[in-house]
């Protein structure tokens, strides 16, 4: 039996969750975020997410137009998001970026949110709402 919101892969005889698109506003609500930069961009669509504190992992496993959850609060996280074409950043564990990182995000047009949740719980909440892992989306497209 297939649950509502699932897609059947008939070739492999398995089902998987349908692709879910969340708005950044939806992410804000799910993760109880504060918007630090980009209040006017909350309508943007988010198709996938990645979570890492190592920016080399972000470069290796993210996909363009995804959401990045991280605890790395310096300007390097914003620079990496820009290079990797990440749509938005969520800082987790109650961390807040410094003024330089926020200014750079503003200049690059990258929305920045902050959540008190741990990375584990933030990822779990997004996963339960159907948001795909950027690595999963990437591997299916290769």
C-alpha atoms as a PDB file:
ATOM      1  CA  UNK A   1       0.000   0.000   0.000  1.00  0.00           C
ATOM      2  CA  UNK A   2       1.251   3.476  -0.841  1.00  0.00           C
ATOM      3  CA  UNK A   3       0.857   6.243   1.687  1.00  0.00           C
ATOM      4  CA  UNK A   4      -0.452   9.623   0.624  1.00  0.00           C
ATOM      5  CA  UNK A   5       2.366  11.794  -0.722  1.00  0.00           C
ATOM      6  CA  UNK A   6       4.469   8.867  -1.959  1.00  0.00           C
ATOM      7  CA  UNK A   7       5.673   8.126  -5.462  1.00  0.00           C
ATOM      8  CA  UNK A   8       6.108   4.566  -6.677  1.00  0.00           C
ATOM      9  CA  UNK A   9       9.356   3.646  -8.434  1.00  0.00           C
ATOM     10  CA  UNK A  10       7.931   0.757 -10.467  1.00  0.00           C
ATOM     11  CA  UNK A  11      11.309  -0.318 -11.862  1.00  0.00           C
ATOM     12  CA  UNK A  12      12.714  -0.914  -8.369  1.00  0.00           C
ATOM     13  CA  UNK A  13       9.356  -1.842  -6.759  1.00  0.00           C
ATOM     14  CA  UNK A  14       9.751   0.609  -3.931  1.00  0.00           C
ATOM     15  CA  UNK A  15       8.054   3.784  -2.851  1.00  0.00           C
ATOM     16  CA  UNK A  16       9.607   7.004  -1.678  1.00  0.00           C
ATOM     17  CA  UNK A  17       8.280  10.342  -0.483  1.00  0.00           C
ATOM     18  CA  UNK A  18       7.152  12.720  -3.193  1.00  0.00           C
ATOM     19  CA  UNK A  19       9.334  15.732  -3.793  1.00  0.00           C
ATOM     20  CA  UNK A  20       8.293  18.465  -1.420  1.00  0.00           C
ATOM     21  CA  UNK A  21       9.010  22.123  -1.976  1.00  0.00           C
ATOM     22  CA  UNK A  22       8.967  24.387   1.045  1.00  0.00           C
ATOM     23  CA  UNK A  23       9.051  28.135   1.059  1.00  0.00           C
ATOM     24  CA  UNK A  24      11.619  29.852   3.221  1.00  0.00           C
ATOM     25  CA  UNK A  25       8.649  31.085   5.273  1.00  0.00           C
ATOM     26  CA  UNK A  26       7.719  27.444   5.859  1.00  0.00           C
ATOM     27  CA  UNK A  27      11.285  26.675   6.962  1.00  0.00           C
ATOM     28  CA  UNK A  28      11.134  29.653   9.317  1.00  0.00           C
ATOM     29  CA  UNK A  29       7.967  28.299  10.918  1.00  0.00           C
ATOM     30  CA  UNK A  30       9.096  24.653  11.095  1.00  0.00           C
ATOM     31  CA  UNK A  31      12.420  25.565  12.723  1.00  0.00           C
ATOM     32  CA  UNK A  32      11.091  28.501  14.797  1.00  0.00           C
ATOM     33  CA  UNK A  33      13.659  30.787  13.187  1.00  0.00           C
ATOM     34  CA  UNK A  34      14.418  34.446  13.536  1.00  0.00           C
ATOM     35  CA  UNK A  35      15.091  36.170  10.212  1.00  0.00           C
ATOM     36  CA  UNK A  36      18.400  38.056  10.341  1.00  0.00           C
ATOM     37  CA  UNK A  37      18.679  38.983   6.651  1.00  0.00           C
ATOM     38  CA  UNK A  38      16.183  38.720   3.794  1.00  0.00           C
ATOM     39  CA  UNK A  39      12.746  39.168   5.339  1.00  0.00           C
ATOM     40  CA  UNK A  40      11.563  40.103   1.836  1.00  0.00           C
ATOM     41  CA  UNK A  41      12.708  36.731   0.432  1.00  0.00           C
ATOM     42  CA  UNK A  42      10.583  34.411   2.577  1.00  0.00           C
ATOM     43  CA  UNK A  43       8.522  33.393  -0.452  1.00  0.00           C
ATOM     44  CA  UNK A  44      11.481  31.699  -2.167  1.00  0.00           C
ATOM     45  CA  UNK A  45      11.188  27.966  -2.824  1.00  0.00           C
ATOM     46  CA  UNK A  46      13.513  25.451  -1.177  1.00  0.00           C
ATOM     47  CA  UNK A  47      13.844  22.043  -2.888  1.00  0.00           C
ATOM     48  CA  UNK A  48      16.527  20.419  -0.745  1.00  0.00           C
ATOM     49  CA  UNK A  49      18.805  20.955   2.210  1.00  0.00           C
ATOM     50  CA  UNK A  50      22.252  20.102   3.459  1.00  0.00           C
ATOM     51  CA  UNK A  51      23.713  20.412   6.945  1.00  0.00           C
ATOM     52  CA  UNK A  52      27.398  20.763   7.757  1.00  0.00           C
ATOM     53  CA  UNK A  53      29.913  22.687   9.790  1.00  0.00           C
ATOM     54  CA  UNK A  54      32.705  21.725   7.385  1.00  0.00           C
ATOM     55  CA  UNK A  55      32.442  23.984   4.371  1.00  0.00           C
ATOM     56  CA  UNK A  56      34.341  21.418   2.283  1.00  0.00           C
ATOM     57  CA  UNK A  57      31.364  19.079   2.818  1.00  0.00           C
ATOM     58  CA  UNK A  58      29.013  21.805   1.619  1.00  0.00           C
ATOM     59  CA  UNK A  59      31.039  22.203  -1.563  1.00  0.00           C
ATOM     60  CA  UNK A  60      31.153  18.427  -2.084  1.00  0.00           C
ATOM     61  CA  UNK A  61      27.565  17.450  -1.263  1.00  0.00           C
ATOM     62  CA  UNK A  62      25.236  20.409  -1.736  1.00  0.00           C
ATOM     63  CA  UNK A  63      23.242  21.270  -4.811  1.00  0.00           C
ATOM     64  CA  UNK A  64      22.425  24.727  -6.160  1.00  0.00           C
ATOM     65  CA  UNK A  65      19.288  26.380  -4.814  1.00  0.00           C
ATOM     66  CA  UNK A  66      19.251  24.371  -1.581  1.00  0.00           C
ATOM     67  CA  UNK A  67      19.182  25.370   2.077  1.00  0.00           C
ATOM     68  CA  UNK A  68      22.297  25.175   4.272  1.00  0.00           C
ATOM     69  CA  UNK A  69      22.036  24.471   7.999  1.00  0.00           C
ATOM     70  CA  UNK A  70      25.277  25.168   9.838  1.00  0.00           C
ATOM     71  CA  UNK A  71      26.802  26.211  13.118  1.00  0.00           C
ATOM     72  CA  UNK A  72      29.736  27.952  11.442  1.00  0.00           C
ATOM     73  CA  UNK A  73      28.907  31.616  11.982  1.00  0.00           C
ATOM     74  CA  UNK A  74      31.734  33.473  10.269  1.00  0.00           C
ATOM     75  CA  UNK A  75      31.838  35.039   6.814  1.00  0.00           C
ATOM     76  CA  UNK A  76      33.286  31.809   5.374  1.00  0.00           C
ATOM     77  CA  UNK A  77      29.873  30.148   5.608  1.00  0.00           C
ATOM     78  CA  UNK A  78      28.372  32.976   3.546  1.00  0.00           C
ATOM     79  CA  UNK A  79      31.203  32.833   0.994  1.00  0.00           C
ATOM     80  CA  UNK A  80      30.776  29.073   0.679  1.00  0.00           C
ATOM     81  CA  UNK A  81      27.012  29.457   0.267  1.00  0.00           C
ATOM     82  CA  UNK A  82      27.637  31.970  -2.505  1.00  0.00           C
ATOM     83  CA  UNK A  83      30.115  29.717  -4.347  1.00  0.00           C
ATOM     84  CA  UNK A  84      27.861  26.654  -3.940  1.00  0.00           C
ATOM     85  CA  UNK A  85      24.795  28.643  -5.070  1.00  0.00           C
ATOM     86  CA  UNK A  86      22.993  27.950  -1.781  1.00  0.00           C
ATOM     87  CA  UNK A  87      19.684  29.823  -1.611  1.00  0.00           C
ATOM     88  CA  UNK A  88      19.550  30.484   2.130  1.00  0.00           C
ATOM     89  CA  UNK A  89      21.414  29.878   5.387  1.00  0.00           C
ATOM     90  CA  UNK A  90      20.055  28.713   8.741  1.00  0.00           C
ATOM     91  CA  UNK A  91      22.389  29.023  11.708  1.00  0.00           C
ATOM     92  CA  UNK A  92      21.528  26.468  14.350  1.00  0.00           C
ATOM     93  CA  UNK A  93      22.186  25.786  18.058  1.00  0.00           C
ATOM     94  CA  UNK A  94      21.323  29.391  18.947  1.00  0.00           C
ATOM     95  CA  UNK A  95      24.389  30.723  17.163  1.00  0.00           C
ATOM     96  CA  UNK A  96      24.365  34.159  15.566  1.00  0.00           C
ATOM     97  CA  UNK A  97      26.768  35.309  12.851  1.00  0.00           C
ATOM     98  CA  UNK A  98      28.906  38.384  13.345  1.00  0.00           C
ATOM     99  CA  UNK A  99      28.123  41.700  11.662  1.00  0.00           C
ATOM    100  CA  UNK A 100      30.610  41.043   8.849  1.00  0.00           C
ATOM    101  CA  UNK A 101      28.912  37.787   7.894  1.00  0.00           C
ATOM    102  CA  UNK A 102      25.473  39.418   7.937  1.00  0.00           C
ATOM    103  CA  UNK A 103      26.697  42.322   5.815  1.00  0.00           C
ATOM    104  CA  UNK A 104      28.201  39.908   3.286  1.00  0.00           C
ATOM    105  CA  UNK A 105      24.955  37.911   3.154  1.00  0.00           C
ATOM    106  CA  UNK A 106      23.032  41.126   2.540  1.00  0.00           C
ATOM    107  CA  UNK A 107      25.421  42.078  -0.283  1.00  0.00           C
ATOM    108  CA  UNK A 108      25.154  38.605  -1.857  1.00  0.00           C
ATOM    109  CA  UNK A 109      21.366  38.479  -1.507  1.00  0.00           C
ATOM    110  CA  UNK A 110      21.455  35.354   0.674  1.00  0.00           C
ATOM    111  CA  UNK A 111      18.735  35.192   3.336  1.00  0.00           C
ATOM    112  CA  UNK A 112      19.952  34.301   6.820  1.00  0.00           C
ATOM    113  CA  UNK A 113      17.845  32.724   9.544  1.00  0.00           C
ATOM    114  CA  UNK A 114      18.759  31.568  13.050  1.00  0.00           C
ATOM    115  CA  UNK A 115      17.252  28.743  15.092  1.00  0.00           C
ATOM    116  CA  UNK A 116      17.742  27.569  18.656  1.00  0.00           C
ATOM    117  CA  UNK A 117      17.346  23.936  17.553  1.00  0.00           C
ATOM    118  CA  UNK A 118      20.238  21.494  17.343  1.00  0.00           C
ATOM    119  CA  UNK A 119      21.349  20.467  13.884  1.00  0.00           C
ATOM    120  CA  UNK A 120      19.927  16.983  14.478  1.00  0.00           C
ATOM    121  CA  UNK A 121      16.478  18.257  15.433  1.00  0.00           C
ATOM    122  CA  UNK A 122      16.400  20.903  12.683  1.00  0.00           C
ATOM    123  CA  UNK A 123      17.256  18.318  10.025  1.00  0.00           C
ATOM    124  CA  UNK A 124      14.737  15.885  11.490  1.00  0.00           C
ATOM    125  CA  UNK A 125      11.923  18.421  11.396  1.00  0.00           C
ATOM    126  CA  UNK A 126      12.647  19.298   7.761  1.00  0.00           C
ATOM    127  CA  UNK A 127      12.932  15.612   6.839  1.00  0.00           C
ATOM    128  CA  UNK A 128       9.602  14.839   8.485  1.00  0.00           C
ATOM    129  CA  UNK A 129       8.023  17.594   6.381  1.00  0.00           C
ATOM    130  CA  UNK A 130       9.362  15.874   3.254  1.00  0.00           C
ATOM    131  CA  UNK A 131      12.284  18.122   2.364  1.00  0.00           C
ATOM    132  CA  UNK A 132      14.918  16.051   0.561  1.00  0.00           C
ATOM    133  CA  UNK A 133      18.601  15.877   1.356  1.00  0.00           C
ATOM    134  CA  UNK A 134      20.675  17.727  -1.226  1.00  0.00           C
ATOM    135  CA  UNK A 135      22.973  14.678  -1.399  1.00  0.00           C
ATOM    136  CA  UNK A 136      19.995  12.416  -2.220  1.00  0.00           C
ATOM    137  CA  UNK A 137      18.811  14.748  -4.954  1.00  0.00           C
ATOM    138  CA  UNK A 138      22.363  15.018  -6.329  1.00  0.00           C
ATOM    139  CA  UNK A 139      22.876  11.226  -6.467  1.00  0.00           C
ATOM    140  CA  UNK A 140      19.585  10.718  -8.327  1.00  0.00           C
ATOM    141  CA  UNK A 141      20.582  13.328 -10.908  1.00  0.00           C
ATOM    142  CA  UNK A 142      24.015  11.844 -11.592  1.00  0.00           C
END
